[in-house]
Amino acid sequence: FKARFNTNETLFTLMMNYVGIQLVSYFVMYWENPKGSGKIGIINQST
């Protein structure tokens, strides 16, 4: 977007942070372990 449309990279990259946080938040809830904890916990702790 900066190269083609000369958008403001400061605001654009800053907003991408919030999108990334919400994306991680979604998958944390999707993979939560145990169910209802709202956390993934240690991944592959035993193996």
ModelCIF file with pLDDT and N, C-alpha, C, O atoms, coordinates in Angstrom:
data_MODEL
#
_entry.id   MODEL 
#
_entity.id                         1 
_entity.type                       polymer 
_entity.pdbx_number_of_molecules   1 
#
_entity_poly.entity_id                      1 
_entity_poly.type                           'polypeptide(L)' 
_entity_poly.nstd_linkage                   no 
_entity_poly.nstd_monomer                   no 
_entity_poly.pdbx_seq_one_letter_code       FKARFNTNETLFTLMMNYVGIQLVSYFVMYWENPKGSGKIGIINQST 
_entity_poly.pdbx_seq_one_letter_code_can   FKARFNTNETLFTLMMNYVGIQLVSYFVMYWENPKGSGKIGIINQST 
_entity_poly.pdbx_strand_id                 A 
#
loop_
_entity_poly_seq.entity_id 
_entity_poly_seq.num 
_entity_poly_seq.mon_id 
_entity_poly_seq.hetero 
1 1  PHE n 
1 2  LYS n 
1 3  ALA n 
1 4  ARG n 
1 5  PHE n 
1 6  ASN n 
1 7  THR n 
1 8  ASN n 
1 9  GLU n 
1 10 THR n 
1 11 LEU n 
1 12 PHE n 
1 13 THR n 
1 14 LEU n 
1 15 MET n 
1 16 MET n 
1 17 ASN n 
1 18 TYR n 
1 19 VAL n 
1 20 GLY n 
1 21 ILE n 
1 22 GLN n 
1 23 LEU n 
1 24 VAL n 
1 25 SER n 
1 26 TYR n 
1 27 PHE n 
1 28 VAL n 
1 29 MET n 
1 30 TYR n 
1 31 TRP n 
1 32 GLU n 
1 33 ASN n 
1 34 PRO n 
1 35 LYS n 
1 36 GLY n 
1 37 SER n 
1 38 GLY n 
1 39 LYS n 
1 40 ILE n 
1 41 GLY n 
1 42 ILE n 
1 43 ILE n 
1 44 ASN n 
1 45 GLN n 
1 46 SER n 
1 47 THR n 
#
_struct_asym.id          A 
_struct_asym.entity_id   1 
#
loop_
_ma_qa_metric.id 
_ma_qa_metric.mode 
_ma_qa_metric.name 
_ma_qa_metric.software_group_id 
_ma_qa_metric.type 
1 global pLDDT . pLDDT 
2 local  pLDDT . pLDDT 
#
_ma_qa_metric_global.metric_id      1 
_ma_qa_metric_global.metric_value   92.11 
_ma_qa_metric_global.model_id       1 
_ma_qa_metric_global.ordinal_id     1 
#
loop_
_ma_qa_metric_local.label_asym_id 
_ma_qa_metric_local.label_comp_id 
_ma_qa_metric_local.label_seq_id 
_ma_qa_metric_local.metric_id 
_ma_qa_metric_local.metric_value 
_ma_qa_metric_local.model_id 
_ma_qa_metric_local.ordinal_id 
A PHE 1  2 96.00 1 1  
A LYS 2  2 95.00 1 2  
A ALA 3  2 94.00 1 3  
A ARG 4  2 93.00 1 4  
A PHE 5  2 93.00 1 5  
A ASN 6  2 93.00 1 6  
A THR 7  2 93.00 1 7  
A ASN 8  2 95.00 1 8  
A GLU 9  2 95.00 1 9  
A THR 10 2 95.00 1 10 
A LEU 11 2 95.00 1 11 
A PHE 12 2 96.00 1 12 
A THR 13 2 96.00 1 13 
A LEU 14 2 95.00 1 14 
A MET 15 2 96.00 1 15 
A MET 16 2 97.00 1 16 
A ASN 17 2 97.00 1 17 
A TYR 18 2 96.00 1 18 
A VAL 19 2 97.00 1 19 
A GLY 20 2 96.00 1 20 
A ILE 21 2 96.00 1 21 
A GLN 22 2 96.00 1 22 
A LEU 23 2 96.00 1 23 
A VAL 24 2 96.00 1 24 
A SER 25 2 95.00 1 25 
A TYR 26 2 95.00 1 26 
A PHE 27 2 95.00 1 27 
A VAL 28 2 94.00 1 28 
A MET 29 2 93.00 1 29 
A TYR 30 2 92.00 1 30 
A TRP 31 2 93.00 1 31 
A GLU 32 2 89.00 1 32 
A ASN 33 2 82.00 1 33 
A PRO 34 2 79.00 1 34 
A LYS 35 2 79.00 1 35 
A GLY 36 2 75.00 1 36 
A SER 37 2 75.00 1 37 
A GLY 38 2 78.00 1 38 
A LYS 39 2 86.00 1 39 
A ILE 40 2 92.00 1 40 
A GLY 41 2 90.00 1 41 
A ILE 42 2 94.00 1 42 
A ILE 43 2 95.00 1 43 
A ASN 44 2 94.00 1 44 
A GLN 45 2 92.00 1 45 
A SER 46 2 92.00 1 46 
A THR 47 2 93.00 1 47 
#
loop_
_atom_site.group_PDB 
_atom_site.id 
_atom_site.type_symbol 
_atom_site.label_atom_id 
_atom_site.label_alt_id 
_atom_site.label_comp_id 
_atom_site.label_asym_id 
_atom_site.label_entity_id 
_atom_site.label_seq_id 
_atom_site.pdbx_PDB_ins_code 
_atom_site.Cartn_x 
_atom_site.Cartn_y 
_atom_site.Cartn_z 
_atom_site.occupancy 
_atom_site.B_iso_or_equiv 
_atom_site.pdbx_formal_charge 
_atom_site.auth_seq_id 
_atom_site.auth_comp_id 
_atom_site.auth_asym_id 
_atom_site.auth_atom_id 
_atom_site.pdbx_PDB_model_num 
ATOM 1   N N  . PHE A 1 1  ? 0.828   -1.207  0.000  1.00 96.00 ? 1  PHE A N  1 
ATOM 2   C CA . PHE A 1 1  ? 0.000   0.000   0.000  1.00 96.00 ? 1  PHE A CA 1 
ATOM 3   C C  . PHE A 1 1  ? 0.866   1.262   0.000  1.00 96.00 ? 1  PHE A C  1 
ATOM 4   O O  . PHE A 1 1  ? 0.507   2.267   -0.614 1.00 96.00 ? 1  PHE A O  1 
ATOM 5   N N  . LYS A 1 2  ? 1.998   1.206   0.686  1.00 95.00 ? 2  LYS A N  1 
ATOM 6   C CA . LYS A 1 2  ? 2.900   2.357   0.679  1.00 95.00 ? 2  LYS A CA 1 
ATOM 7   C C  . LYS A 1 2  ? 3.519   2.549   -0.700 1.00 95.00 ? 2  LYS A C  1 
ATOM 8   O O  . LYS A 1 2  ? 3.596   3.671   -1.201 1.00 95.00 ? 2  LYS A O  1 
ATOM 9   N N  . ALA A 1 3  ? 3.958   1.459   -1.308 1.00 94.00 ? 3  ALA A N  1 
ATOM 10  C CA . ALA A 1 3  ? 4.643   1.535   -2.595 1.00 94.00 ? 3  ALA A CA 1 
ATOM 11  C C  . ALA A 1 3  ? 3.690   1.967   -3.713 1.00 94.00 ? 3  ALA A C  1 
ATOM 12  O O  . ALA A 1 3  ? 4.077   2.721   -4.606 1.00 94.00 ? 3  ALA A O  1 
ATOM 13  N N  . ARG A 1 4  ? 2.447   1.488   -3.660 1.00 93.00 ? 4  ARG A N  1 
ATOM 14  C CA . ARG A 1 4  ? 1.521   1.753   -4.767 1.00 93.00 ? 4  ARG A CA 1 
ATOM 15  C C  . ARG A 1 4  ? 0.655   2.989   -4.536 1.00 93.00 ? 4  ARG A C  1 
ATOM 16  O O  . ARG A 1 4  ? 0.347   3.721   -5.477 1.00 93.00 ? 4  ARG A O  1 
ATOM 17  N N  . PHE A 1 5  ? 0.263   3.218   -3.283 1.00 93.00 ? 5  PHE A N  1 
ATOM 18  C CA . PHE A 1 5  ? -0.703  4.296   -3.024 1.00 93.00 ? 5  PHE A CA 1 
ATOM 19  C C  . PHE A 1 5  ? -0.174  5.361   -2.068 1.00 93.00 ? 5  PHE A C  1 
ATOM 20  O O  . PHE A 1 5  ? -0.888  6.302   -1.722 1.00 93.00 ? 5  PHE A O  1 
ATOM 21  N N  . ASN A 1 6  ? 1.090   5.208   -1.640 1.00 93.00 ? 6  ASN A N  1 
ATOM 22  C CA . ASN A 1 6  ? 1.731   6.177   -0.743 1.00 93.00 ? 6  ASN A CA 1 
ATOM 23  C C  . ASN A 1 6  ? 0.908   6.411   0.533  1.00 93.00 ? 6  ASN A C  1 
ATOM 24  O O  . ASN A 1 6  ? 0.752   7.547   0.982  1.00 93.00 ? 6  ASN A O  1 
ATOM 25  N N  . THR A 1 7  ? 0.392   5.333   1.103  1.00 93.00 ? 7  THR A N  1 
ATOM 26  C CA . THR A 1 7  ? -0.351  5.440   2.361  1.00 93.00 ? 7  THR A CA 1 
ATOM 27  C C  . THR A 1 7  ? 0.608   5.755   3.505  1.00 93.00 ? 7  THR A C  1 
ATOM 28  O O  . THR A 1 7  ? 1.823   5.619   3.363  1.00 93.00 ? 7  THR A O  1 
ATOM 29  N N  . ASN A 1 8  ? 0.057   6.173   4.628  1.00 95.00 ? 8  ASN A N  1 
ATOM 30  C CA . ASN A 1 8  ? 0.858   6.467   5.819  1.00 95.00 ? 8  ASN A CA 1 
ATOM 31  C C  . ASN A 1 8  ? 1.253   5.157   6.496  1.00 95.00 ? 8  ASN A C  1 
ATOM 32  O O  . ASN A 1 8  ? 0.416   4.486   7.100  1.00 95.00 ? 8  ASN A O  1 
ATOM 33  N N  . GLU A 1 9  ? 2.524   4.801   6.392  1.00 95.00 ? 9  GLU A N  1 
ATOM 34  C CA . GLU A 1 9  ? 2.964   3.500   6.913  1.00 95.00 ? 9  GLU A CA 1 
ATOM 35  C C  . GLU A 1 9  ? 2.900   3.413   8.433  1.00 95.00 ? 9  GLU A C  1 
ATOM 36  O O  . GLU A 1 9  ? 2.725   2.328   8.987  1.00 95.00 ? 9  GLU A O  1 
ATOM 37  N N  . THR A 1 10 ? 3.042   4.559   9.113  1.00 95.00 ? 10 THR A N  1 
ATOM 38  C CA . THR A 1 10 ? 2.997   4.545   10.579 1.00 95.00 ? 10 THR A CA 1 
ATOM 39  C C  . THR A 1 10 ? 1.629   4.084   11.077 1.00 95.00 ? 10 THR A C  1 
ATOM 40  O O  . THR A 1 10 ? 1.536   3.189   11.917 1.00 95.00 ? 10 THR A O  1 
ATOM 41  N N  . LEU A 1 11 ? 0.570   4.700   10.555 1.00 95.00 ? 11 LEU A N  1 
ATOM 42  C CA . LEU A 1 11 ? -0.781  4.321   10.965 1.00 95.00 ? 11 LEU A CA 1 
ATOM 43  C C  . LEU A 1 11 ? -1.137  2.923   10.488 1.00 95.00 ? 11 LEU A C  1 
ATOM 44  O O  . LEU A 1 11 ? -1.772  2.159   11.214 1.00 95.00 ? 11 LEU A O  1 
ATOM 45  N N  . PHE A 1 12 ? -0.730  2.587   9.272  1.00 96.00 ? 12 PHE A N  1 
ATOM 46  C CA . PHE A 1 12 ? -1.089  1.288   8.694  1.00 96.00 ? 12 PHE A CA 1 
ATOM 47  C C  . PHE A 1 12 ? -0.467  0.156   9.512  1.00 96.00 ? 12 PHE A C  1 
ATOM 48  O O  . PHE A 1 12 ? -1.154  -0.790  9.897  1.00 96.00 ? 12 PHE A O  1 
ATOM 49  N N  . THR A 1 13 ? 0.825   0.258   9.772  1.00 96.00 ? 13 THR A N  1 
ATOM 50  C CA . THR A 1 13 ? 1.489   -0.818  10.524 1.00 96.00 ? 13 THR A CA 1 
ATOM 51  C C  . THR A 1 13 ? 0.993   -0.866  11.967 1.00 96.00 ? 13 THR A C  1 
ATOM 52  O O  . THR A 1 13 ? 0.910   -1.942  12.560 1.00 96.00 ? 13 THR A O  1 
ATOM 53  N N  . LEU A 1 14 ? 0.663   0.302   12.536 1.00 95.00 ? 14 LEU A N  1 
ATOM 54  C CA . LEU A 1 14 ? 0.127   0.322   13.897 1.00 95.00 ? 14 LEU A CA 1 
ATOM 55  C C  . LEU A 1 14 ? -1.212  -0.406  13.958 1.00 95.00 ? 14 LEU A C  1 
ATOM 56  O O  . LEU A 1 14 ? -1.454  -1.185  14.880 1.00 95.00 ? 14 LEU A O  1 
ATOM 57  N N  . MET A 1 15 ? -2.086  -0.157  12.979 1.00 96.00 ? 15 MET A N  1 
ATOM 58  C CA . MET A 1 15 ? -3.380  -0.831  12.957 1.00 96.00 ? 15 MET A CA 1 
ATOM 59  C C  . MET A 1 15 ? -3.231  -2.337  12.739 1.00 96.00 ? 15 MET A C  1 
ATOM 60  O O  . MET A 1 15 ? -4.037  -3.121  13.241 1.00 96.00 ? 15 MET A O  1 
ATOM 61  N N  . MET A 1 16 ? -2.209  -2.737  11.997 1.00 97.00 ? 16 MET A N  1 
ATOM 62  C CA . MET A 1 16 ? -1.969  -4.170  11.779 1.00 97.00 ? 16 MET A CA 1 
ATOM 63  C C  . MET A 1 16 ? -1.637  -4.879  13.083 1.00 97.00 ? 16 MET A C  1 
ATOM 64  O O  . MET A 1 16 ? -1.885  -6.077  13.216 1.00 97.00 ? 16 MET A O  1 
ATOM 65  N N  . ASN A 1 17 ? -1.081  -4.159  14.039 1.00 97.00 ? 17 ASN A N  1 
ATOM 66  C CA . ASN A 1 17 ? -0.825  -4.753  15.357 1.00 97.00 ? 17 ASN A CA 1 
ATOM 67  C C  . ASN A 1 17 ? -2.125  -5.236  15.989 1.00 97.00 ? 17 ASN A C  1 
ATOM 68  O O  . ASN A 1 17 ? -2.195  -6.354  16.500 1.00 97.00 ? 17 ASN A O  1 
ATOM 69  N N  . TYR A 1 18 ? -3.156  -4.390  15.952 1.00 96.00 ? 18 TYR A N  1 
ATOM 70  C CA . TYR A 1 18 ? -4.427  -4.736  16.587 1.00 96.00 ? 18 TYR A CA 1 
ATOM 71  C C  . TYR A 1 18 ? -5.117  -5.890  15.863 1.00 96.00 ? 18 TYR A C  1 
ATOM 72  O O  . TYR A 1 18 ? -5.769  -6.727  16.487 1.00 96.00 ? 18 TYR A O  1 
ATOM 73  N N  . VAL A 1 19 ? -4.968  -5.925  14.558 1.00 97.00 ? 19 VAL A N  1 
ATOM 74  C CA . VAL A 1 19 ? -5.525  -7.051  13.805 1.00 97.00 ? 19 VAL A CA 1 
ATOM 75  C C  . VAL A 1 19 ? -4.813  -8.343  14.218 1.00 97.00 ? 19 VAL A C  1 
ATOM 76  O O  . VAL A 1 19 ? -5.451  -9.376  14.419 1.00 97.00 ? 19 VAL A O  1 
ATOM 77  N N  . GLY A 1 20 ? -3.480  -8.272  14.342 1.00 96.00 ? 20 GLY A N  1 
ATOM 78  C CA . GLY A 1 20 ? -2.714  -9.443  14.761 1.00 96.00 ? 20 GLY A CA 1 
ATOM 79  C C  . GLY A 1 20 ? -3.113  -9.913  16.154 1.00 96.00 ? 20 GLY A C  1 
ATOM 80  O O  . GLY A 1 20 ? -3.236  -11.115 16.387 1.00 96.00 ? 20 GLY A O  1 
ATOM 81  N N  . ILE A 1 21 ? -3.315  -8.987  17.076 1.00 96.00 ? 21 ILE A N  1 
ATOM 82  C CA . ILE A 1 21 ? -3.713  -9.343  18.445 1.00 96.00 ? 21 ILE A CA 1 
ATOM 83  C C  . ILE A 1 21 ? -5.061  -10.055 18.438 1.00 96.00 ? 21 ILE A C  1 
ATOM 84  O O  . ILE A 1 21 ? -5.236  -11.064 19.121 1.00 96.00 ? 21 ILE A O  1 
ATOM 85  N N  . GLN A 1 22 ? -6.013  -9.532  17.666 1.00 96.00 ? 22 GLN A N  1 
ATOM 86  C CA . GLN A 1 22 ? -7.337  -10.165 17.616 1.00 96.00 ? 22 GLN A CA 1 
ATOM 87  C C  . GLN A 1 22 ? -7.284  -11.526 16.937 1.00 96.00 ? 22 GLN A C  1 
ATOM 88  O O  . GLN A 1 22 ? -8.030  -12.434 17.303 1.00 96.00 ? 22 GLN A O  1 
ATOM 89  N N  . LEU A 1 23 ? -6.410  -11.671 15.955 1.00 96.00 ? 23 LEU A N  1 
ATOM 90  C CA . LEU A 1 23 ? -6.253  -12.962 15.280 1.00 96.00 ? 23 LEU A CA 1 
ATOM 91  C C  . LEU A 1 23 ? -5.721  -14.008 16.263 1.00 96.00 ? 23 LEU A C  1 
ATOM 92  O O  . LEU A 1 23 ? -6.216  -15.134 16.313 1.00 96.00 ? 23 LEU A O  1 
ATOM 93  N N  . VAL A 1 24 ? -4.714  -13.622 17.039 1.00 96.00 ? 24 VAL A N  1 
ATOM 94  C CA . VAL A 1 24 ? -4.170  -14.535 18.049 1.00 96.00 ? 24 VAL A CA 1 
ATOM 95  C C  . VAL A 1 24 ? -5.233  -14.843 19.100 1.00 96.00 ? 24 VAL A C  1 
ATOM 96  O O  . VAL A 1 24 ? -5.357  -15.989 19.533 1.00 96.00 ? 24 VAL A O  1 
ATOM 97  N N  . SER A 1 25 ? -5.993  -13.842 19.510 1.00 95.00 ? 25 SER A N  1 
ATOM 98  C CA . SER A 1 25 ? -7.041  -14.036 20.507 1.00 95.00 ? 25 SER A CA 1 
ATOM 99  C C  . SER A 1 25 ? -8.070  -15.058 20.030 1.00 95.00 ? 25 SER A C  1 
ATOM 100 O O  . SER A 1 25 ? -8.535  -15.889 20.809 1.00 95.00 ? 25 SER A O  1 
ATOM 101 N N  . TYR A 1 26 ? -8.418  -14.993 18.758 1.00 95.00 ? 26 TYR A N  1 
ATOM 102 C CA . TYR A 1 26 ? -9.385  -15.953 18.199 1.00 95.00 ? 26 TYR A CA 1 
ATOM 103 C C  . TYR A 1 26 ? -8.856  -17.377 18.285 1.00 95.00 ? 26 TYR A C  1 
ATOM 104 O O  . TYR A 1 26 ? -9.564  -18.285 18.723 1.00 95.00 ? 26 TYR A O  1 
ATOM 105 N N  . PHE A 1 27 ? -7.610  -17.570 17.866 1.00 95.00 ? 27 PHE A N  1 
ATOM 106 C CA . PHE A 1 27 ? -7.072  -18.938 17.847 1.00 95.00 ? 27 PHE A CA 1 
ATOM 107 C C  . PHE A 1 27 ? -6.764  -19.453 19.248 1.00 95.00 ? 27 PHE A C  1 
ATOM 108 O O  . PHE A 1 27 ? -6.798  -20.660 19.484 1.00 95.00 ? 27 PHE A O  1 
ATOM 109 N N  . VAL A 1 28 ? -6.466  -18.557 20.173 1.00 94.00 ? 28 VAL A N  1 
ATOM 110 C CA . VAL A 1 28 ? -6.302  -18.991 21.568 1.00 94.00 ? 28 VAL A CA 1 
ATOM 111 C C  . VAL A 1 28 ? -7.620  -19.579 22.079 1.00 94.00 ? 28 VAL A C  1 
ATOM 112 O O  . VAL A 1 28 ? -7.622  -20.614 22.746 1.00 94.00 ? 28 VAL A O  1 
ATOM 113 N N  . MET A 1 29 ? -8.719  -18.931 21.773 1.00 93.00 ? 29 MET A N  1 
ATOM 114 C CA . MET A 1 29 ? -10.025 -19.459 22.184 1.00 93.00 ? 29 MET A CA 1 
ATOM 115 C C  . MET A 1 29 ? -10.358 -20.748 21.422 1.00 93.00 ? 29 MET A C  1 
ATOM 116 O O  . MET A 1 29 ? -10.986 -21.654 21.971 1.00 93.00 ? 29 MET A O  1 
ATOM 117 N N  . TYR A 1 30 ? -9.937  -20.821 20.170 1.00 92.00 ? 30 TYR A N  1 
ATOM 118 C CA . TYR A 1 30 ? -10.236 -22.003 19.342 1.00 92.00 ? 30 TYR A CA 1 
ATOM 119 C C  . TYR A 1 30 ? -9.452  -23.219 19.822 1.00 92.00 ? 30 TYR A C  1 
ATOM 120 O O  . TYR A 1 30 ? -9.965  -24.339 19.822 1.00 92.00 ? 30 TYR A O  1 
ATOM 121 N N  . TRP A 1 31 ? -8.187  -22.987 20.236 1.00 93.00 ? 31 TRP A N  1 
ATOM 122 C CA . TRP A 1 31 ? -7.328  -24.103 20.666 1.00 93.00 ? 31 TRP A CA 1 
ATOM 123 C C  . TRP A 1 31 ? -7.276  -24.262 22.186 1.00 93.00 ? 31 TRP A C  1 
ATOM 124 O O  . TRP A 1 31 ? -6.484  -25.061 22.687 1.00 93.00 ? 31 TRP A O  1 
ATOM 125 N N  . GLU A 1 32 ? -8.090  -23.531 22.920 1.00 89.00 ? 32 GLU A N  1 
ATOM 126 C CA . GLU A 1 32 ? -7.951  -23.496 24.374 1.00 89.00 ? 32 GLU A CA 1 
ATOM 127 C C  . GLU A 1 32 ? -7.901  -24.901 24.968 1.00 89.00 ? 32 GLU A C  1 
ATOM 128 O O  . GLU A 1 32 ? -8.611  -25.811 24.539 1.00 89.00 ? 32 GLU A O  1 
ATOM 129 N N  . ASN A 1 33 ? -7.039  -25.042 25.968 1.00 82.00 ? 33 ASN A N  1 
ATOM 130 C CA . ASN A 1 33 ? -6.831  -26.335 26.604 1.00 82.00 ? 33 ASN A CA 1 
ATOM 131 C C  . ASN A 1 33 ? -6.472  -26.117 28.081 1.00 82.00 ? 33 ASN A C  1 
ATOM 132 O O  . ASN A 1 33 ? -5.437  -25.521 28.379 1.00 82.00 ? 33 ASN A O  1 
ATOM 133 N N  . PRO A 1 34 ? -7.316  -26.593 29.005 1.00 79.00 ? 34 PRO A N  1 
ATOM 134 C CA . PRO A 1 34 ? -8.597  -27.298 28.801 1.00 79.00 ? 34 PRO A CA 1 
ATOM 135 C C  . PRO A 1 34 ? -9.696  -26.345 28.345 1.00 79.00 ? 34 PRO A C  1 
ATOM 136 O O  . PRO A 1 34 ? -9.560  -25.127 28.455 1.00 79.00 ? 34 PRO A O  1 
ATOM 137 N N  . LYS A 1 35 ? -10.781 -26.910 27.834 1.00 79.00 ? 35 LYS A N  1 
ATOM 138 C CA . LYS A 1 35 ? -11.884 -26.114 27.326 1.00 79.00 ? 35 LYS A CA 1 
ATOM 139 C C  . LYS A 1 35 ? -12.457 -25.215 28.426 1.00 79.00 ? 35 LYS A C  1 
ATOM 140 O O  . LYS A 1 35 ? -12.666 -25.642 29.561 1.00 79.00 ? 35 LYS A O  1 
ATOM 141 N N  . GLY A 1 36 ? -12.699 -23.974 28.054 1.00 75.00 ? 36 GLY A N  1 
ATOM 142 C CA . GLY A 1 36 ? -13.249 -23.018 28.999 1.00 75.00 ? 36 GLY A CA 1 
ATOM 143 C C  . GLY A 1 36 ? -12.205 -22.235 29.763 1.00 75.00 ? 36 GLY A C  1 
ATOM 144 O O  . GLY A 1 36 ? -12.545 -21.320 30.512 1.00 75.00 ? 36 GLY A O  1 
ATOM 145 N N  . SER A 1 37 ? -10.909 -22.585 29.584 1.00 75.00 ? 37 SER A N  1 
ATOM 146 C CA . SER A 1 37 ? -9.847  -21.898 30.323 1.00 75.00 ? 37 SER A CA 1 
ATOM 147 C C  . SER A 1 37 ? -9.454  -20.574 29.684 1.00 75.00 ? 37 SER A C  1 
ATOM 148 O O  . SER A 1 37 ? -8.933  -19.682 30.353 1.00 75.00 ? 37 SER A O  1 
ATOM 149 N N  . GLY A 1 38 ? -9.712  -20.452 28.367 1.00 78.00 ? 38 GLY A N  1 
ATOM 150 C CA . GLY A 1 38 ? -9.303  -19.245 27.653 1.00 78.00 ? 38 GLY A CA 1 
ATOM 151 C C  . GLY A 1 38 ? -7.816  -19.181 27.397 1.00 78.00 ? 38 GLY A C  1 
ATOM 152 O O  . GLY A 1 38 ? -7.291  -18.130 27.029 1.00 78.00 ? 38 GLY A O  1 
ATOM 153 N N  . LYS A 1 39 ? -7.121  -20.311 27.590 1.00 86.00 ? 39 LYS A N  1 
ATOM 154 C CA . LYS A 1 39 ? -5.672  -20.377 27.362 1.00 86.00 ? 39 LYS A CA 1 
ATOM 155 C C  . LYS A 1 39 ? -5.338  -21.650 26.609 1.00 86.00 ? 39 LYS A C  1 
ATOM 156 O O  . LYS A 1 39 ? -6.058  -22.646 26.682 1.00 86.00 ? 39 LYS A O  1 
ATOM 157 N N  . ILE A 1 40 ? -4.239  -21.595 25.889 1.00 92.00 ? 40 ILE A N  1 
ATOM 158 C CA . ILE A 1 40 ? -3.785  -22.792 25.181 1.00 92.00 ? 40 ILE A CA 1 
ATOM 159 C C  . ILE A 1 40 ? -3.026  -23.716 26.126 1.00 92.00 ? 40 ILE A C  1 
ATOM 160 O O  . ILE A 1 40 ? -3.089  -24.939 25.993 1.00 92.00 ? 40 ILE A O  1 
ATOM 161 N N  . GLY A 1 41 ? -2.311  -23.127 27.078 1.00 90.00 ? 41 GLY A N  1 
ATOM 162 C CA . GLY A 1 41 ? -1.464  -23.939 27.946 1.00 90.00 ? 41 GLY A CA 1 
ATOM 163 C C  . GLY A 1 41 ? -0.176  -24.332 27.230 1.00 90.00 ? 41 GLY A C  1 
ATOM 164 O O  . GLY A 1 41 ? 0.053   -23.909 26.097 1.00 90.00 ? 41 GLY A O  1 
ATOM 165 N N  . ILE A 1 42 ? 0.651   -25.121 27.863 1.00 94.00 ? 42 ILE A N  1 
ATOM 166 C CA . ILE A 1 42 ? 1.903   -25.564 27.248 1.00 94.00 ? 42 ILE A CA 1 
ATOM 167 C C  . ILE A 1 42 ? 1.591   -26.521 26.113 1.00 94.00 ? 42 ILE A C  1 
ATOM 168 O O  . ILE A 1 42 ? 0.921   -27.534 26.313 1.00 94.00 ? 42 ILE A O  1 
ATOM 169 N N  . ILE A 1 43 ? 2.075   -26.201 24.925 1.00 95.00 ? 43 ILE A N  1 
ATOM 170 C CA . ILE A 1 43 ? 1.791   -27.008 23.737 1.00 95.00 ? 43 ILE A CA 1 
ATOM 171 C C  . ILE A 1 43 ? 2.689   -28.243 23.732 1.00 95.00 ? 43 ILE A C  1 
ATOM 172 O O  . ILE A 1 43 ? 3.902   -28.145 23.914 1.00 95.00 ? 43 ILE A O  1 
ATOM 173 N N  . ASN A 1 44 ? 2.068   -29.417 23.520 1.00 94.00 ? 44 ASN A N  1 
ATOM 174 C CA . ASN A 1 44 ? 2.807   -30.688 23.439 1.00 94.00 ? 44 ASN A CA 1 
ATOM 175 C C  . ASN A 1 44 ? 3.727   -30.878 24.644 1.00 94.00 ? 44 ASN A C  1 
ATOM 176 O O  . ASN A 1 44 ? 4.896   -31.235 24.495 1.00 94.00 ? 44 ASN A O  1 
ATOM 177 N N  . GLN A 1 45 ? 3.189   -30.638 25.833 1.00 92.00 ? 45 GLN A N  1 
ATOM 178 C CA . GLN A 1 45 ? 4.017   -30.681 27.042 1.00 92.00 ? 45 GLN A CA 1 
ATOM 179 C C  . GLN A 1 45 ? 4.603   -32.061 27.295 1.00 92.00 ? 45 GLN A C  1 
ATOM 180 O O  . GLN A 1 45 ? 5.738   -32.174 27.758 1.00 92.00 ? 45 GLN A O  1 
ATOM 181 N N  . SER A 1 46 ? 3.851   -33.101 27.002 1.00 92.00 ? 46 SER A N  1 
ATOM 182 C CA . SER A 1 46 ? 4.330   -34.451 27.290 1.00 92.00 ? 46 SER A CA 1 
ATOM 183 C C  . SER A 1 46 ? 5.223   -35.012 26.194 1.00 92.00 ? 46 SER A C  1 
ATOM 184 O O  . SER A 1 46 ? 6.138   -35.787 26.472 1.00 92.00 ? 46 SER A O  1 
ATOM 185 N N  . THR A 1 47 ? 4.965   -34.628 24.958 1.00 93.00 ? 47 THR A N  1 
ATOM 186 C CA . THR A 1 47 ? 5.723   -35.192 23.824 1.00 93.00 ? 47 THR A CA 1 
ATOM 187 C C  . THR A 1 47 ? 6.863   -34.296 23.347 1.00 93.00 ? 47 THR A C  1 
ATOM 188 O O  . THR A 1 47 ? 7.574   -34.650 22.407 1.00 93.00 ? 47 THR A O  1 
#
